Amino acid sequence: MAAALKLVCALLLCMLVVEPMATTAISCGYVAKQISGCIKYLQNGGFLPPNCCMGIRALNNGAKTTRDRRSVCRCLQNAARTIPGIKRNLAVGLPKKCGVKIPYKISPSTNCNRVK
């Protein structure tokens, strides 16, 4: 009985230690929220709102892992397909305009599976 109790306690301890370490990729909802200030700029050009660049910086700072960066890449591609009138050249240049370096080109042709 004592051995079984020790085993159960050990398994519970392992679950408590391992579970918090598990991370989920950045969600498309989070990405959409961060880029929402960029939509009008991406459709029409002109003035680049400060909250757009704040969102781009937040995305870049939050995407610490390869999994996160790939998730953000896919979410950006999905957003570009679903939001009407996005100008590709403005999307490609957005990180530079915001002073952010990202390890891939924001483009529908980017293979997000190759993002590191």
Protein backbone atom coordinates (compact mmCIF):
# COMPACT_ATOMS: atom_id res chain seq x y z
CA MET A 1 0.00 0.00 0.00
CA ALA A 2 2.79 2.45 0.87
CA ALA A 3 4.60 1.66 -2.39
CA ALA A 4 1.44 2.35 -4.40
CA LEU A 5 0.92 5.64 -2.57
CA LYS A 6 4.53 6.65 -3.32
CA LEU A 7 4.01 5.79 -6.99
CA VAL A 8 0.82 7.88 -7.18
CA CYS A 9 2.56 10.80 -5.46
CA ALA A 10 5.52 10.54 -7.85
CA LEU A 11 3.19 10.52 -10.87
CA LEU A 12 1.29 13.55 -9.58
CA LEU A 13 4.55 15.38 -8.98
CA CYS A 14 5.68 14.62 -12.53
CA MET A 15 2.38 15.90 -13.91
CA LEU A 16 2.69 19.12 -11.92
CA VAL A 17 6.26 19.69 -13.05
CA VAL A 18 5.74 18.79 -16.72
CA GLU A 19 2.38 20.48 -17.33
CA PRO A 20 3.43 24.10 -16.64
CA MET A 21 6.36 23.64 -18.99
CA ALA A 22 4.08 22.71 -21.86
CA THR A 23 3.44 25.75 -24.03
CA THR A 24 0.93 26.47 -26.71
CA ALA A 25 1.66 28.29 -29.91
CA ILE A 26 0.51 31.87 -30.29
CA SER A 27 -3.14 31.92 -31.33
CA CYS A 28 -4.54 33.60 -34.43
CA GLY A 29 -6.87 35.53 -32.15
CA TYR A 30 -3.85 37.07 -30.43
CA VAL A 31 -2.24 37.83 -33.80
CA ALA A 32 -5.44 39.44 -35.09
CA LYS A 33 -5.64 41.62 -31.99
CA GLN A 34 -2.02 42.75 -32.41
CA ILE A 35 -2.39 43.63 -36.10
CA SER A 36 -5.83 45.22 -35.85
CA GLY A 37 -4.27 48.69 -35.71
CA CYS A 38 -2.52 48.00 -39.02
CA ILE A 39 -5.51 47.07 -41.18
CA LYS A 40 -6.38 50.50 -42.57
CA TYR A 41 -2.72 51.21 -43.28
CA LEU A 42 -2.34 47.85 -45.05
CA GLN A 43 -5.39 48.60 -47.20
CA ASN A 44 -4.77 52.25 -48.01
CA GLY A 45 -1.20 53.19 -47.09
CA GLY A 46 -0.64 56.66 -45.68
CA PHE A 47 -0.33 57.24 -41.95
CA LEU A 48 1.11 54.32 -39.95
CA PRO A 49 -0.64 54.33 -36.57
CA PRO A 50 1.60 53.91 -33.50
CA ASN A 51 -0.63 51.10 -32.18
CA CYS A 52 0.15 49.14 -35.35
CA CYS A 53 3.87 49.16 -34.61
CA MET A 54 3.19 48.40 -30.95
CA GLY A 55 1.29 45.29 -32.08
CA ILE A 56 4.05 44.25 -34.50
CA ARG A 57 6.63 44.61 -31.70
CA ALA A 58 4.43 42.62 -29.31
CA LEU A 59 4.12 39.81 -31.86
CA ASN A 60 7.85 39.78 -32.48
CA ASN A 61 8.68 39.81 -28.77
CA GLY A 62 6.11 37.12 -28.01
CA ALA A 63 7.25 34.72 -30.74
CA LYS A 64 10.26 33.29 -28.93
CA THR A 65 10.16 29.75 -30.29
CA THR A 66 10.16 28.30 -33.79
CA ARG A 67 6.65 26.99 -33.12
CA ASP A 68 5.47 30.48 -32.17
CA ARG A 69 7.07 32.12 -35.22
CA ARG A 70 5.52 29.52 -37.53
CA SER A 71 2.14 30.03 -35.90
CA VAL A 72 2.36 33.82 -36.33
CA CYS A 73 3.43 33.35 -39.95
CA ARG A 74 0.40 31.16 -40.69
CA CYS A 75 -1.97 33.49 -38.87
CA LEU A 76 -0.67 36.48 -40.85
CA GLN A 77 -1.18 34.57 -44.09
CA ASN A 78 -4.73 33.64 -43.06
CA ALA A 79 -5.46 37.25 -42.15
CA ALA A 80 -4.16 38.46 -45.51
CA ARG A 81 -6.51 36.02 -47.27
CA THR A 82 -9.57 36.99 -45.24
CA ILE A 83 -9.16 40.76 -44.93
CA PRO A 84 -10.12 42.45 -48.20
CA GLY A 85 -7.83 44.93 -49.91
CA ILE A 86 -4.53 44.17 -48.16
CA LYS A 87 -1.67 45.54 -50.26
CA ARG A 88 1.14 42.98 -50.31
CA ASN A 89 3.93 45.56 -50.69
CA LEU A 90 2.76 47.37 -47.55
CA ALA A 91 2.62 44.12 -45.58
CA VAL A 92 6.13 43.13 -46.67
CA GLY A 93 7.54 46.50 -45.59
CA LEU A 94 5.65 46.77 -42.32
CA PRO A 95 8.28 45.27 -39.99
CA LYS A 96 10.99 47.59 -41.32
CA LYS A 97 8.71 50.64 -41.01
CA CYS A 98 8.12 49.65 -37.38
CA GLY A 99 11.83 49.06 -36.73
CA VAL A 100 11.35 45.33 -36.18
CA LYS A 101 13.43 42.53 -37.68
CA ILE A 102 11.62 39.27 -38.26
CA PRO A 103 13.23 36.09 -39.61
CA TYR A 104 10.88 35.73 -42.59
CA LYS A 105 9.11 37.77 -45.25
CA ILE A 106 5.45 38.58 -44.60
CA SER A 107 4.03 37.17 -47.79
CA PRO A 108 1.50 34.59 -48.97
CA SER A 109 4.41 32.86 -50.72
CA THR A 110 6.43 32.38 -47.51
CA ASN A 111 6.67 28.71 -46.51
CA CYS A 112 5.86 29.02 -42.80
CA ASN A 113 7.12 25.45 -42.20
CA ARG A 114 10.63 26.70 -43.00
CA VAL A 115 10.54 29.59 -40.55
CA LYS A 116 13.11 29.02 -37.82
